[in-house]
Structures are given as C-alpha cells and as structure tokens.
Amino acid sequence: MIRVEAGMPTTRFCSLIGVPERTWRRYQARTRADRPARGPWPRPARERVRDAARRHALAHPAWGHRKVWAMCRHDGRRVSQATVLRLLRDEGLLLEANYQRERRALAARRKAAFATEPTGPNQVWQLDFSEFETTAGGTWRLAGCRDYWSKYELGWHIAPTANQHDAIAAIELALAEAEQLAGRRLIDLAQRDAEGNVVPLVTIVTDNGGPFRSFRFEAFIATHPELRHVRTRVKTPGQNGSRERGFGSLKYEKLFLEEIPDALDLIAHAEDYRLDYNTIRPHEALAWNRPRDVHLGLADPLIPNFPETEDLPAT
C-alpha cells in the first residue's frame, strides 16, 4: 500500500528495501492467492554464536566478518564464515568493503628484498616511517620493524622527525624486544662461518629514503654483525608491502577512529593497538593465528590453531 500511495515503481521500491524483485513478485503472488509466505525459519547456527559475534564486532568496529569469525573460532565455537556474515548483516554490524582487493605478485617482489623465503622469526624485518597528524596540529612520525615471517610488530619509535637517529632508535627497540622474546641475544643465535665470523641473522629491508642511505645508519648496522641491510628498488613500495600494510591497519583500525590531541595520547593508542595486534587480533596470512603465537613457535602459520571445544559460554 505504501508503494502504491507513493506512486513508486516496483523496481525502485525493491531496491530501497533491499529485496530482489523476483522475490517480491513471488511474495506478492502468494499474498494475492491467499497463501502468505511461510517463515521466518529458525536459525540455530546464528543464535548459538550471536552473542559472541556481536561482542567481537562491537569491540573491534574496524574488523570485517572474517576476523570476527576467527575470534569466534578462537572462543571454541564451530561456525562458518557465511553464518557470521549473515548474522552481522542482520545486526547492522557488517563492515562493507567498497574496494577491490589489490592483487600482488608477492613472489616477484620478494626476490628483490631477500633471496630465499624466511622459514622462521628474526630472519627478515621490514622497517619504514609513517606519519600521523594529531588534532592539535602536530605531525608525528612512527618508525618500527615488523617481522616478515610472523607479522610481529617489534615496537614503534614515535618522534617529530624521521631521520637516521630515529631509524636507529627503531632498530634498537626491535633488537631489545626480539632478544626478550628469544630469551637470549640475537648475536648468540647467529651462525659462524669457517673463520669464526658471525653470519648475519636478520636482514633489515628498507626503502631508499635518506635516513636509510646515511653513513650513520650504515655504521650502526656495521657494528651489529647479526644484522644486514638491504634496500628495495627505487619506486617499488610493494617490496616493503608487509610494513606498509601494518601501518595501514594501525591507522584505519585504531588511530583514524579516535580523537588524538597530542603525542602522549598517540603513543598510548599506538601501543594499545600493537599489543592487541600481536596477541589478540587473528591474522589471515597466518591461518588466523596471532603473530605472537607464531613468533614464539606456539602456532603454525599454515594451520589454524582453533580450540576444538564447541559452544563455550560467552564471557
């Protein structure tokens, strides 16, 4: 009746209410024949996981349905991605993707950065800078190393500048945290050649920015025989893509959603996200495991580490 009174065409009406026109015509025919459509049908799969899915979606509004699904699986609930997708759509919590996923030739890009594929943590770190402007008007630069194999974020150095001193400070933070996680110095984990010299353990991949071409930066690398520095080819940011993607996730899932007035608030928000990213947020490239678990060898980056218990009570 509302459509008729408004003089609205059926096609536009169906588009507005989100119902396919063929479905609307079928319901209309059944109603005119005094045979109303049956339903709604029970949805036990959705009801079993509704509370958990809502809780994770509301706690992380920047996550899509697949990460919410992975969190439900980590809670021990057996549910499909399609069920979580429909549930979040029903609840109005679905994060719609209005863009095409970029297709990257990862193998071709990796060759310029390192000759062989990493097989464990602390083999390839990617380092770069990113900037963020606070609401009070200050612009700050974040620098940090990201382990390519485990996707673990090894601490962020935040400063108003992006020079060789800041790049060195970021590596020092990464070294300290990596050695804390490993329980020993990285130089002690490195192999020795026939002459007893240390074989570089960690390859640090950067772009060709000024801080990474400076004498001071190269001198710092030279004083750490466990490190090796490799720069990507000019104008090929994809070769450092894991680092770029990490900073993008930080901004779109945390920083852009908050009012951040100054550097102290920025440091607090960034560190909160880093801890959440390493220990809670499931990572699709790691078979939905957490970076810290993969970095410490507690999970295989190719096999999901979901618990087998089904339908645990929501907490």
C-alpha atoms as a PDB file:
ATOM      1  CA  MET A   1       0.000   0.000   0.000  1.00  0.00           C
ATOM      2  CA  ILE A   2       2.844   2.407   0.794  1.00  0.00           C
ATOM      3  CA  ARG A   3       4.392   1.807  -2.623  1.00  0.00           C
ATOM      4  CA  VAL A   4       1.063   2.337  -4.402  1.00  0.00           C
ATOM      5  CA  GLU A   5       0.262   5.517  -2.486  1.00  0.00           C
ATOM      6  CA  ALA A   6       3.683   6.940  -3.273  1.00  0.00           C
ATOM      7  CA  GLY A   7       3.377   6.030  -6.915  1.00  0.00           C
ATOM      8  CA  MET A   8       6.751   4.263  -6.747  1.00  0.00           C
ATOM      9  CA  PRO A   9       7.784   1.696  -9.360  1.00  0.00           C
ATOM     10  CA  THR A  10       8.268  -1.831  -8.059  1.00  0.00           C
ATOM     11  CA  THR A  11      11.893  -1.924  -9.213  1.00  0.00           C
ATOM     12  CA  ARG A  12      12.841   1.164  -7.188  1.00  0.00           C
ATOM     13  CA  PHE A  13      10.825   0.008  -4.177  1.00  0.00           C
ATOM     14  CA  CYS A  14      12.628  -3.351  -4.111  1.00  0.00           C
ATOM     15  CA  SER A  15      15.950  -1.576  -4.415  1.00  0.00           C
ATOM     16  CA  LEU A  16      15.145   0.648  -1.424  1.00  0.00           C
ATOM     17  CA  ILE A  17      14.082  -2.204   0.871  1.00  0.00           C
ATOM     18  CA  GLY A  18      16.894  -4.498  -0.268  1.00  0.00           C
ATOM     19  CA  VAL A  19      14.695  -7.316  -1.649  1.00  0.00           C
ATOM     20  CA  PRO A  20      15.200  -8.881  -5.113  1.00  0.00           C
ATOM     21  CA  GLU A  21      12.344  -8.041  -7.441  1.00  0.00           C
ATOM     22  CA  ARG A  22      11.685 -11.717  -8.237  1.00  0.00           C
ATOM     23  CA  THR A  23      11.315 -12.446  -4.517  1.00  0.00           C
ATOM     24  CA  TRP A  24       8.924  -9.506  -4.118  1.00  0.00           C
ATOM     25  CA  ARG A  25       6.831 -10.698  -7.077  1.00  0.00           C
ATOM     26  CA  ARG A  26       6.666 -14.200  -5.606  1.00  0.00           C
ATOM     27  CA  TYR A  27       5.542 -12.910  -2.194  1.00  0.00           C
ATOM     28  CA  GLN A  28       3.015 -10.636  -3.896  1.00  0.00           C
ATOM     29  CA  ALA A  29       1.548 -13.526  -5.901  1.00  0.00           C
ATOM     30  CA  ARG A  30       1.248 -15.746  -2.827  1.00  0.00           C
ATOM     31  CA  THR A  31      -0.458 -12.972  -0.859  1.00  0.00           C
ATOM     32  CA  ARG A  32      -2.978 -12.315  -3.663  1.00  0.00           C
ATOM     33  CA  ALA A  33      -3.741 -16.042  -3.794  1.00  0.00           C
ATOM     34  CA  ASP A  34      -4.334 -16.007  -0.032  1.00  0.00           C
ATOM     35  CA  ARG A  35      -1.239 -18.141   0.512  1.00  0.00           C
ATOM     36  CA  PRO A  36       1.121 -15.898   2.524  1.00  0.00           C
ATOM     37  CA  ALA A  37       4.811 -16.769   2.572  1.00  0.00           C
ATOM     38  CA  ARG A  38       5.889 -19.094   5.358  1.00  0.00           C
ATOM     39  CA  GLY A  39       8.538 -18.238   7.898  1.00  0.00           C
ATOM     40  CA  PRO A  40      10.572 -16.877   9.461  1.00  0.00           C
ATOM     41  CA  TRP A  41      12.517 -20.091   9.845  1.00  0.00           C
ATOM     42  CA  PRO A  42      14.577 -20.878  12.965  1.00  0.00           C
ATOM     43  CA  ARG A  43      18.281 -20.111  12.664  1.00  0.00           C
ATOM     44  CA  PRO A  44      20.033 -22.200  15.329  1.00  0.00           C
ATOM     45  CA  ALA A  45      23.530 -21.712  13.878  1.00  0.00           C
ATOM     46  CA  ARG A  46      23.215 -17.940  14.140  1.00  0.00           C
ATOM     47  CA  GLU A  47      21.594 -17.967  17.555  1.00  0.00           C
ATOM     48  CA  ARG A  48      24.371 -20.118  19.072  1.00  0.00           C
ATOM     49  CA  VAL A  49      27.050 -17.595  18.115  1.00  0.00           C
ATOM     50  CA  ARG A  50      25.082 -14.345  18.084  1.00  0.00           C
ATOM     51  CA  ASP A  51      26.285 -13.023  21.456  1.00  0.00           C
ATOM     52  CA  ALA A  52      29.946 -13.815  20.775  1.00  0.00           C
ATOM     53  CA  ALA A  53      29.873 -12.352  17.258  1.00  0.00           C
ATOM     54  CA  ARG A  54      28.167  -9.165  18.461  1.00  0.00           C
ATOM     55  CA  ARG A  55      30.672  -8.804  21.283  1.00  0.00           C
ATOM     56  CA  HIS A  56      33.693  -9.073  18.985  1.00  0.00           C
ATOM     57  CA  ALA A  57      32.174  -6.873  16.267  1.00  0.00           C
ATOM     58  CA  LEU A  58      31.313  -4.120  18.750  1.00  0.00           C
ATOM     59  CA  ALA A  59      34.728  -4.335  20.436  1.00  0.00           C
ATOM     60  CA  HIS A  60      36.527  -4.016  17.073  1.00  0.00           C
ATOM     61  CA  PRO A  61      34.344  -1.944  14.722  1.00  0.00           C
ATOM     62  CA  ALA A  62      37.069  -1.772  12.068  1.00  0.00           C
ATOM     63  CA  TRP A  63      37.206  -5.556  11.635  1.00  0.00           C
ATOM     64  CA  GLY A  64      35.414  -7.400   8.855  1.00  0.00           C
ATOM     65  CA  HIS A  65      33.305 -10.528   9.246  1.00  0.00           C
ATOM     66  CA  ARG A  66      36.228 -12.899   8.659  1.00  0.00           C
ATOM     67  CA  LYS A  67      38.205 -11.604  11.640  1.00  0.00           C
ATOM     68  CA  VAL A  68      35.054 -11.745  13.768  1.00  0.00           C
ATOM     69  CA  TRP A  69      34.584 -15.333  12.584  1.00  0.00           C
ATOM     70  CA  ALA A  70      38.187 -16.161  13.533  1.00  0.00           C
ATOM     71  CA  MET A  71      37.675 -14.710  17.019  1.00  0.00           C
ATOM     72  CA  CYS A  72      34.552 -16.867  17.425  1.00  0.00           C
ATOM     73  CA  ARG A  73      36.587 -19.902  16.402  1.00  0.00           C
ATOM     74  CA  HIS A  74      39.274 -18.974  18.932  1.00  0.00           C
ATOM     75  CA  ASP A  75      36.450 -18.888  21.502  1.00  0.00           C
ATOM     76  CA  GLY A  76      35.828 -22.537  20.634  1.00  0.00           C
ATOM     77  CA  ARG A  77      32.633 -22.041  18.637  1.00  0.00           C
ATOM     78  CA  ARG A  78      32.159 -24.018  15.429  1.00  0.00           C
ATOM     79  CA  VAL A  79      30.620 -21.643  12.915  1.00  0.00           C
ATOM     80  CA  SER A  80      31.109 -20.842   9.242  1.00  0.00           C
ATOM     81  CA  GLN A  81      32.217 -17.528   7.794  1.00  0.00           C
ATOM     82  CA  ALA A  82      28.940 -17.331   5.852  1.00  0.00           C
ATOM     83  CA  THR A  83      26.900 -17.628   9.058  1.00  0.00           C
ATOM     84  CA  VAL A  84      28.853 -14.814  10.721  1.00  0.00           C
ATOM     85  CA  LEU A  85      28.491 -12.714   7.564  1.00  0.00           C
ATOM     86  CA  ARG A  86      24.691 -13.104   7.557  1.00  0.00           C
ATOM     87  CA  LEU A  87      24.477 -12.549  11.310  1.00  0.00           C
ATOM     88  CA  LEU A  88      26.425  -9.288  11.209  1.00  0.00           C
ATOM     89  CA  ARG A  89      24.358  -8.139   8.235  1.00  0.00           C
ATOM     90  CA  ASP A  90      21.159  -8.825  10.202  1.00  0.00           C
ATOM     91  CA  GLU A  91      22.533  -6.920  13.193  1.00  0.00           C
ATOM     92  CA  GLY A  92      23.682  -3.958  11.086  1.00  0.00           C
ATOM     93  CA  LEU A  93      27.288  -4.544  12.153  1.00  0.00           C
ATOM     94  CA  LEU A  94      28.752  -5.596   8.825  1.00  0.00           C
ATOM     95  CA  LEU A  95      31.757  -3.628   7.637  1.00  0.00           C
ATOM     96  CA  GLU A  96      31.100  -3.366   3.919  1.00  0.00           C
ATOM     97  CA  ALA A  97      34.121  -3.442   1.617  1.00  0.00           C
ATOM     98  CA  ASN A  98      33.709  -0.928  -1.201  1.00  0.00           C
ATOM     99  CA  TYR A  99      37.006  -1.640  -2.851  1.00  0.00           C
ATOM    100  CA  GLN A 100      38.683  -4.362  -4.877  1.00  0.00           C
ATOM    101  CA  ARG A 101      41.452  -6.234  -3.110  1.00  0.00           C
ATOM    102  CA  GLU A 102      44.792  -5.488  -4.688  1.00  0.00           C
ATOM    103  CA  ARG A 103      46.416  -8.409  -6.450  1.00  0.00           C
ATOM    104  CA  ARG A 104      50.096  -8.507  -5.686  1.00  0.00           C
ATOM    105  CA  ALA A 105      52.758 -10.657  -7.254  1.00  0.00           C
ATOM    106  CA  LEU A 106      54.349 -11.393  -3.888  1.00  0.00           C
ATOM    107  CA  ALA A 107      56.946 -13.850  -5.125  1.00  0.00           C
ATOM    108  CA  ALA A 108      58.345 -11.451  -7.704  1.00  0.00           C
ATOM    109  CA  ARG A 109      58.531  -8.607  -5.212  1.00  0.00           C
ATOM    110  CA  ARG A 110      60.207 -10.690  -2.530  1.00  0.00           C
ATOM    111  CA  LYS A 111      63.141 -11.591  -4.771  1.00  0.00           C
ATOM    112  CA  ALA A 112      64.487  -8.035  -4.697  1.00  0.00           C
ATOM    113  CA  ALA A 113      64.443  -7.985  -0.895  1.00  0.00           C
ATOM    114  CA  PHE A 114      65.729 -11.451   0.033  1.00  0.00           C
ATOM    115  CA  ALA A 115      66.860 -14.430  -1.983  1.00  0.00           C
ATOM    116  CA  THR A 116      65.124 -17.196  -0.026  1.00  0.00           C
ATOM    117  CA  GLU A 117      61.768 -17.342   1.703  1.00  0.00           C
ATOM    118  CA  PRO A 118      62.017 -16.858   5.500  1.00  0.00           C
ATOM    119  CA  THR A 119      61.339 -20.021   7.472  1.00  0.00           C
ATOM    120  CA  GLY A 120      61.201 -18.566  10.967  1.00  0.00           C
ATOM    121  CA  PRO A 121      61.232 -15.382  13.057  1.00  0.00           C
ATOM    122  CA  ASN A 122      64.105 -12.898  13.163  1.00  0.00           C
ATOM    123  CA  GLN A 123      65.216 -13.577   9.603  1.00  0.00           C
ATOM    124  CA  VAL A 124      63.666 -10.629   7.744  1.00  0.00           C
ATOM    125  CA  TRP A 125      62.497  -7.381   9.334  1.00  0.00           C
ATOM    126  CA  GLN A 126      60.867  -4.611   7.328  1.00  0.00           C
ATOM    127  CA  LEU A 127      61.459  -1.039   8.521  1.00  0.00           C
ATOM    128  CA  ASP A 128      59.890   2.225   7.430  1.00  0.00           C
ATOM    129  CA  PHE A 129      58.349   5.508   8.618  1.00  0.00           C
ATOM    130  CA  SER A 130      54.731   6.619   8.666  1.00  0.00           C
ATOM    131  CA  GLU A 131      53.273   9.930   9.798  1.00  0.00           C
ATOM    132  CA  PHE A 132      50.138  10.919  11.678  1.00  0.00           C
ATOM    133  CA  GLU A 133      48.703  14.360  12.363  1.00  0.00           C
ATOM    134  CA  THR A 134      47.092  14.911  15.766  1.00  0.00           C
ATOM    135  CA  THR A 135      44.013  17.070  16.305  1.00  0.00           C
ATOM    136  CA  ALA A 136      46.114  19.761  17.985  1.00  0.00           C
ATOM    137  CA  GLY A 137      48.014  20.204  14.747  1.00  0.00           C
ATOM    138  CA  GLY A 138      51.278  18.392  15.392  1.00  0.00           C
ATOM    139  CA  THR A 139      52.573  15.857  12.888  1.00  0.00           C
ATOM    140  CA  TRP A 140      54.439  12.854  14.283  1.00  0.00           C
ATOM    141  CA  ARG A 141      56.437  10.094  12.611  1.00  0.00           C
ATOM    142  CA  LEU A 142      56.231   6.436  13.573  1.00  0.00           C
ATOM    143  CA  ALA A 143      59.101   4.070  12.836  1.00  0.00           C
ATOM    144  CA  GLY A 144      59.115   0.356  13.567  1.00  0.00           C
ATOM    145  CA  CYS A 145      60.400  -3.034  12.476  1.00  0.00           C
ATOM    146  CA  ARG A 146      57.952  -5.748  11.508  1.00  0.00           C
ATOM    147  CA  ASP A 147      58.963  -9.405  11.352  1.00  0.00           C
ATOM    148  CA  TYR A 148      58.077 -10.572   7.855  1.00  0.00           C
ATOM    149  CA  TRP A 149      57.530 -14.234   8.761  1.00  0.00           C
ATOM    150  CA  SER A 150      55.435 -13.862  11.923  1.00  0.00           C
ATOM    151  CA  LYS A 151      53.981 -10.355  11.217  1.00  0.00           C
ATOM    152  CA  TYR A 152      55.014  -9.437  14.771  1.00  0.00           C
ATOM    153  CA  GLU A 153      55.299  -5.694  15.423  1.00  0.00           C
ATOM    154  CA  LEU A 154      58.579  -5.111  17.272  1.00  0.00           C
ATOM    155  CA  GLY A 155      57.882  -1.796  18.949  1.00  0.00           C
ATOM    156  CA  TRP A 156      57.332   1.678  17.497  1.00  0.00           C
ATOM    157  CA  HIS A 157      59.513   4.745  17.903  1.00  0.00           C
ATOM    158  CA  ILE A 158      57.446   7.957  17.719  1.00  0.00           C
ATOM    159  CA  ALA A 159      59.123  11.340  17.220  1.00  0.00           C
ATOM    160  CA  PRO A 160      58.571  14.657  15.380  1.00  0.00           C
ATOM    161  CA  THR A 161      61.404  13.784  12.971  1.00  0.00           C
ATOM    162  CA  ALA A 162      62.197  10.950  10.564  1.00  0.00           C
ATOM    163  CA  ASN A 163      65.971  10.913  10.305  1.00  0.00           C
ATOM    164  CA  GLN A 164      68.819   8.434  10.778  1.00  0.00           C
ATOM    165  CA  HIS A 165      68.677   8.785  14.571  1.00  0.00           C
ATOM    166  CA  ASP A 166      65.011   7.763  14.581  1.00  0.00           C
ATOM    167  CA  ALA A 167      65.701   4.805  12.274  1.00  0.00           C
ATOM    168  CA  ILE A 168      68.472   3.614  14.592  1.00  0.00           C
ATOM    169  CA  ALA A 169      66.233   4.043  17.632  1.00  0.00           C
ATOM    170  CA  ALA A 170      63.568   1.875  15.960  1.00  0.00           C
ATOM    171  CA  ILE A 171      66.082  -0.922  15.322  1.00  0.00           C
ATOM    172  CA  GLU A 172      67.329  -0.706  18.897  1.00  0.00           C
ATOM    173  CA  LEU A 173      63.756  -1.136  20.142  1.00  0.00           C
ATOM    174  CA  ALA A 174      63.292  -4.107  17.824  1.00  0.00           C
ATOM    175  CA  LEU A 175      66.529  -5.736  18.966  1.00  0.00           C
ATOM    176  CA  ALA A 176      65.605  -5.353  22.624  1.00  0.00           C
ATOM    177  CA  GLU A 177      62.154  -6.883  22.193  1.00  0.00           C
ATOM    178  CA  ALA A 178      63.325  -9.674  19.876  1.00  0.00           C
ATOM    179  CA  GLU A 179      66.022 -10.677  22.367  1.00  0.00           C
ATOM    180  CA  GLN A 180      63.500 -10.575  25.204  1.00  0.00           C
ATOM    181  CA  LEU A 181      61.169 -12.897  23.277  1.00  0.00           C
ATOM    182  CA  ALA A 182      64.017 -15.217  22.292  1.00  0.00           C
ATOM    183  CA  GLY A 183      65.465 -15.272  25.803  1.00  0.00           C
ATOM    184  CA  ARG A 184      68.989 -14.575  24.541  1.00  0.00           C
ATOM    185  CA  ARG A 185      70.932 -12.158  22.354  1.00  0.00           C
ATOM    186  CA  LEU A 186      70.396 -12.466  18.625  1.00  0.00           C
ATOM    187  CA  ILE A 187      74.138 -12.482  18.013  1.00  0.00           C
ATOM    188  CA  ASP A 188      74.287 -15.696  20.066  1.00  0.00           C
ATOM    189  CA  LEU A 189      71.701 -17.256  17.748  1.00  0.00           C
ATOM    190  CA  ALA A 190      73.642 -16.363  14.606  1.00  0.00           C
ATOM    191  CA  GLN A 191      75.795 -18.965  12.884  1.00  0.00           C
ATOM    192  CA  ARG A 192      79.545 -18.675  12.352  1.00  0.00           C
ATOM    193  CA  ASP A 193      81.456 -19.269   9.143  1.00  0.00           C
ATOM    194  CA  ALA A 194      84.612 -21.348   8.800  1.00  0.00           C
ATOM    195  CA  GLU A 195      86.725 -18.457  10.060  1.00  0.00           C
ATOM    196  CA  GLY A 196      84.580 -17.850  13.109  1.00  0.00           C
ATOM    197  CA  ASN A 197      82.913 -14.692  11.788  1.00  0.00           C
ATOM    198  CA  VAL A 198      79.246 -14.043  12.570  1.00  0.00           C
ATOM    199  CA  VAL A 199      76.900 -14.757   9.670  1.00  0.00           C
ATOM    200  CA  PRO A 200      74.163 -12.066   9.580  1.00  0.00           C
ATOM    201  CA  LEU A 201      70.967 -13.434  11.081  1.00  0.00           C
ATOM    202  CA  VAL A 202      68.461 -10.631  10.425  1.00  0.00           C
ATOM    203  CA  THR A 203      68.029  -8.890   7.077  1.00  0.00           C
ATOM    204  CA  ILE A 204      66.551  -5.413   7.569  1.00  0.00           C
ATOM    205  CA  VAL A 205      64.627  -4.309   4.478  1.00  0.00           C
ATOM    206  CA  THR A 206      64.019  -0.589   3.912  1.00  0.00           C
ATOM    207  CA  ASP A 207      63.244   1.722   1.032  1.00  0.00           C
ATOM    208  CA  ASN A 208      65.719   4.246  -0.393  1.00  0.00           C
ATOM    209  CA  GLY A 209      64.838   7.121   1.922  1.00  0.00           C
ATOM    210  CA  GLY A 210      67.515   9.470   3.202  1.00  0.00           C
ATOM    211  CA  PRO A 211      67.685   8.025   6.738  1.00  0.00           C
ATOM    212  CA  PHE A 212      68.488   4.580   5.343  1.00  0.00           C
ATOM    213  CA  ARG A 213      71.208   5.874   2.992  1.00  0.00           C
ATOM    214  CA  SER A 214      73.031   7.851   5.672  1.00  0.00           C
ATOM    215  CA  PHE A 215      76.539   6.998   6.855  1.00  0.00           C
ATOM    216  CA  ARG A 216      75.446   6.920  10.497  1.00  0.00           C
ATOM    217  CA  PHE A 217      72.747   4.319   9.777  1.00  0.00           C
ATOM    218  CA  GLU A 218      75.132   2.086   7.835  1.00  0.00           C
ATOM    219  CA  ALA A 219      77.752   2.487  10.574  1.00  0.00           C
ATOM    220  CA  PHE A 220      75.205   1.304  13.135  1.00  0.00           C
ATOM    221  CA  ILE A 221      74.447  -1.780  11.036  1.00  0.00           C
ATOM    222  CA  ALA A 222      78.198  -2.446  10.699  1.00  0.00           C
ATOM    223  CA  THR A 223      78.606  -2.500  14.486  1.00  0.00           C
ATOM    224  CA  HIS A 224      75.972  -5.267  14.731  1.00  0.00           C
ATOM    225  CA  PRO A 225      77.291  -8.291  12.819  1.00  0.00           C
ATOM    226  CA  GLU A 226      73.993 -10.117  13.352  1.00  0.00           C
ATOM    227  CA  LEU A 227      72.267  -7.525  11.106  1.00  0.00           C
ATOM    228  CA  ARG A 228      72.314  -6.986   7.354  1.00  0.00           C
ATOM    229  CA  HIS A 229      70.726  -4.070   5.497  1.00  0.00           C
ATOM    230  CA  VAL A 230      69.005  -4.371   2.096  1.00  0.00           C
ATOM    231  CA  ARG A 231      67.232  -1.544   0.251  1.00  0.00           C
ATOM    232  CA  THR A 232      64.393  -2.149  -2.177  1.00  0.00           C
ATOM    233  CA  ARG A 233      64.444  -0.983  -5.753  1.00  0.00           C
ATOM    234  CA  VAL A 234      63.539   2.640  -6.400  1.00  0.00           C
ATOM    235  CA  LYS A 235      59.809   3.377  -6.746  1.00  0.00           C
ATOM    236  CA  THR A 236      58.716  -0.127  -5.731  1.00  0.00           C
ATOM    237  CA  PRO A 237      56.907   0.291  -2.372  1.00  0.00           C
ATOM    238  CA  GLY A 238      55.338  -3.140  -2.763  1.00  0.00           C
ATOM    239  CA  GLN A 239      58.663  -4.758  -1.947  1.00  0.00           C
ATOM    240  CA  ASN A 240      58.202  -3.422   1.580  1.00  0.00           C
ATOM    241  CA  GLY A 241      54.484  -4.164   1.482  1.00  0.00           C
ATOM    242  CA  SER A 242      54.144  -6.014   4.776  1.00  0.00           C
ATOM    243  CA  ARG A 243      55.471  -2.968   6.661  1.00  0.00           C
ATOM    244  CA  GLU A 244      53.184  -0.611   4.731  1.00  0.00           C
ATOM    245  CA  ARG A 245      50.172  -2.824   5.384  1.00  0.00           C
ATOM    246  CA  GLY A 246      50.941  -2.917   9.103  1.00  0.00           C
ATOM    247  CA  PHE A 247      50.931   0.864   9.386  1.00  0.00           C
ATOM    248  CA  GLY A 248      47.735   0.992   7.309  1.00  0.00           C
ATOM    249  CA  SER A 249      45.991  -1.382   9.709  1.00  0.00           C
ATOM    250  CA  LEU A 250      47.138   0.733  12.665  1.00  0.00           C
ATOM    251  CA  LYS A 251      45.629   3.879  11.186  1.00  0.00           C
ATOM    252  CA  TYR A 252      42.356   2.517   9.830  1.00  0.00           C
ATOM    253  CA  GLU A 253      41.586   0.184  12.752  1.00  0.00           C
ATOM    254  CA  LYS A 254      42.687   2.494  15.571  1.00  0.00           C
ATOM    255  CA  LEU A 255      44.116   5.967  15.000  1.00  0.00           C
ATOM    256  CA  PHE A 256      41.565   7.265  12.470  1.00  0.00           C
ATOM    257  CA  LEU A 257      38.737   6.196  14.800  1.00  0.00           C
ATOM    258  CA  GLU A 258      39.966   8.223  17.769  1.00  0.00           C
ATOM    259  CA  GLU A 259      40.399  11.875  18.682  1.00  0.00           C
ATOM    260  CA  ILE A 260      44.137  12.058  19.380  1.00  0.00           C
ATOM    261  CA  PRO A 261      45.212  15.521  20.575  1.00  0.00           C
ATOM    262  CA  ASP A 262      48.929  15.087  21.257  1.00  0.00           C
ATOM    263  CA  ALA A 263      51.952  12.817  21.090  1.00  0.00           C
ATOM    264  CA  LEU A 264      51.420  11.234  24.505  1.00  0.00           C
ATOM    265  CA  ASP A 265      47.918  10.162  23.535  1.00  0.00           C
ATOM    266  CA  LEU A 266      49.233   8.927  20.181  1.00  0.00           C
ATOM    267  CA  ILE A 267      51.879   6.785  21.913  1.00  0.00           C
ATOM    268  CA  ALA A 268      49.269   5.280  24.246  1.00  0.00           C
ATOM    269  CA  HIS A 269      46.837   4.454  21.420  1.00  0.00           C
ATOM    270  CA  ALA A 270      49.565   3.044  19.183  1.00  0.00           C
ATOM    271  CA  GLU A 271      50.958   0.820  21.934  1.00  0.00           C
ATOM    272  CA  ASP A 272      47.474  -0.432  22.874  1.00  0.00           C
ATOM    273  CA  TYR A 273      46.908  -1.390  19.260  1.00  0.00           C
ATOM    274  CA  ARG A 274      50.327  -3.048  18.969  1.00  0.00           C
ATOM    275  CA  LEU A 275      49.619  -5.282  21.948  1.00  0.00           C
ATOM    276  CA  ASP A 276      46.157  -6.084  20.600  1.00  0.00           C
ATOM    277  CA  TYR A 277      47.591  -6.770  17.140  1.00  0.00           C
ATOM    278  CA  ASN A 278      50.298  -9.126  18.400  1.00  0.00           C
ATOM    279  CA  THR A 279      48.275 -11.069  20.960  1.00  0.00           C
ATOM    280  CA  ILE A 280      44.538 -10.896  20.118  1.00  0.00           C
ATOM    281  CA  ARG A 281      43.861  -9.909  16.505  1.00  0.00           C
ATOM    282  CA  PRO A 282      43.725 -13.009  14.231  1.00  0.00           C
ATOM    283  CA  HIS A 283      45.831 -12.672  11.082  1.00  0.00           C
ATOM    284  CA  GLU A 284      44.539 -14.160   7.830  1.00  0.00           C
ATOM    285  CA  ALA A 285      48.042 -14.560   6.357  1.00  0.00           C
ATOM    286  CA  LEU A 286      48.957 -16.699   9.399  1.00  0.00           C
ATOM    287  CA  ALA A 287      45.981 -19.077   9.053  1.00  0.00           C
ATOM    288  CA  TRP A 288      44.052 -16.904  11.541  1.00  0.00           C
ATOM    289  CA  ASN A 289      46.684 -17.324  14.265  1.00  0.00           C
ATOM    290  CA  ARG A 290      48.126 -14.487  16.365  1.00  0.00           C
ATOM    291  CA  PRO A 291      51.552 -13.029  15.482  1.00  0.00           C
ATOM    292  CA  ARG A 292      52.971 -13.602  18.959  1.00  0.00           C
ATOM    293  CA  ASP A 293      51.991 -17.279  18.952  1.00  0.00           C
ATOM    294  CA  VAL A 294      53.613 -17.756  15.549  1.00  0.00           C
ATOM    295  CA  HIS A 295      56.716 -15.777  16.543  1.00  0.00           C
ATOM    296  CA  LEU A 296      57.215 -17.923  19.651  1.00  0.00           C
ATOM    297  CA  GLY A 297      56.543 -21.185  17.807  1.00  0.00           C
ATOM    298  CA  LEU A 298      53.258 -21.844  19.611  1.00  0.00           C
ATOM    299  CA  ALA A 299      51.285 -21.926  16.352  1.00  0.00           C
ATOM    300  CA  ASP A 300      51.968 -22.948  12.764  1.00  0.00           C
ATOM    301  CA  PRO A 301      51.441 -20.077  10.266  1.00  0.00           C
ATOM    302  CA  LEU A 302      49.845 -22.569   7.849  1.00  0.00           C
ATOM    303  CA  ILE A 303      47.458 -24.375  10.223  1.00  0.00           C
ATOM    304  CA  PRO A 304      44.648 -22.710  12.235  1.00  0.00           C
ATOM    305  CA  ASN A 305      45.127 -23.187  15.953  1.00  0.00           C
ATOM    306  CA  PHE A 306      41.439 -23.115  16.898  1.00  0.00           C
ATOM    307  CA  PRO A 307      40.338 -24.985  20.049  1.00  0.00           C
ATOM    308  CA  GLU A 308      38.096 -27.981  19.448  1.00  0.00           C
ATOM    309  CA  THR A 309      35.628 -27.229  22.274  1.00  0.00           C
ATOM    310  CA  GLU A 310      32.250 -26.240  20.841  1.00  0.00           C
ATOM    311  CA  ASP A 311      29.783 -23.631  22.056  1.00  0.00           C
ATOM    312  CA  LEU A 312      31.654 -22.251  25.051  1.00  0.00           C
ATOM    313  CA  PRO A 313      29.592 -19.741  27.053  1.00  0.00           C
ATOM    314  CA  ALA A 314      30.169 -16.113  26.112  1.00  0.00           C
ATOM    315  CA  THR A 315      32.217 -14.078  28.562  1.00  0.00           C
END
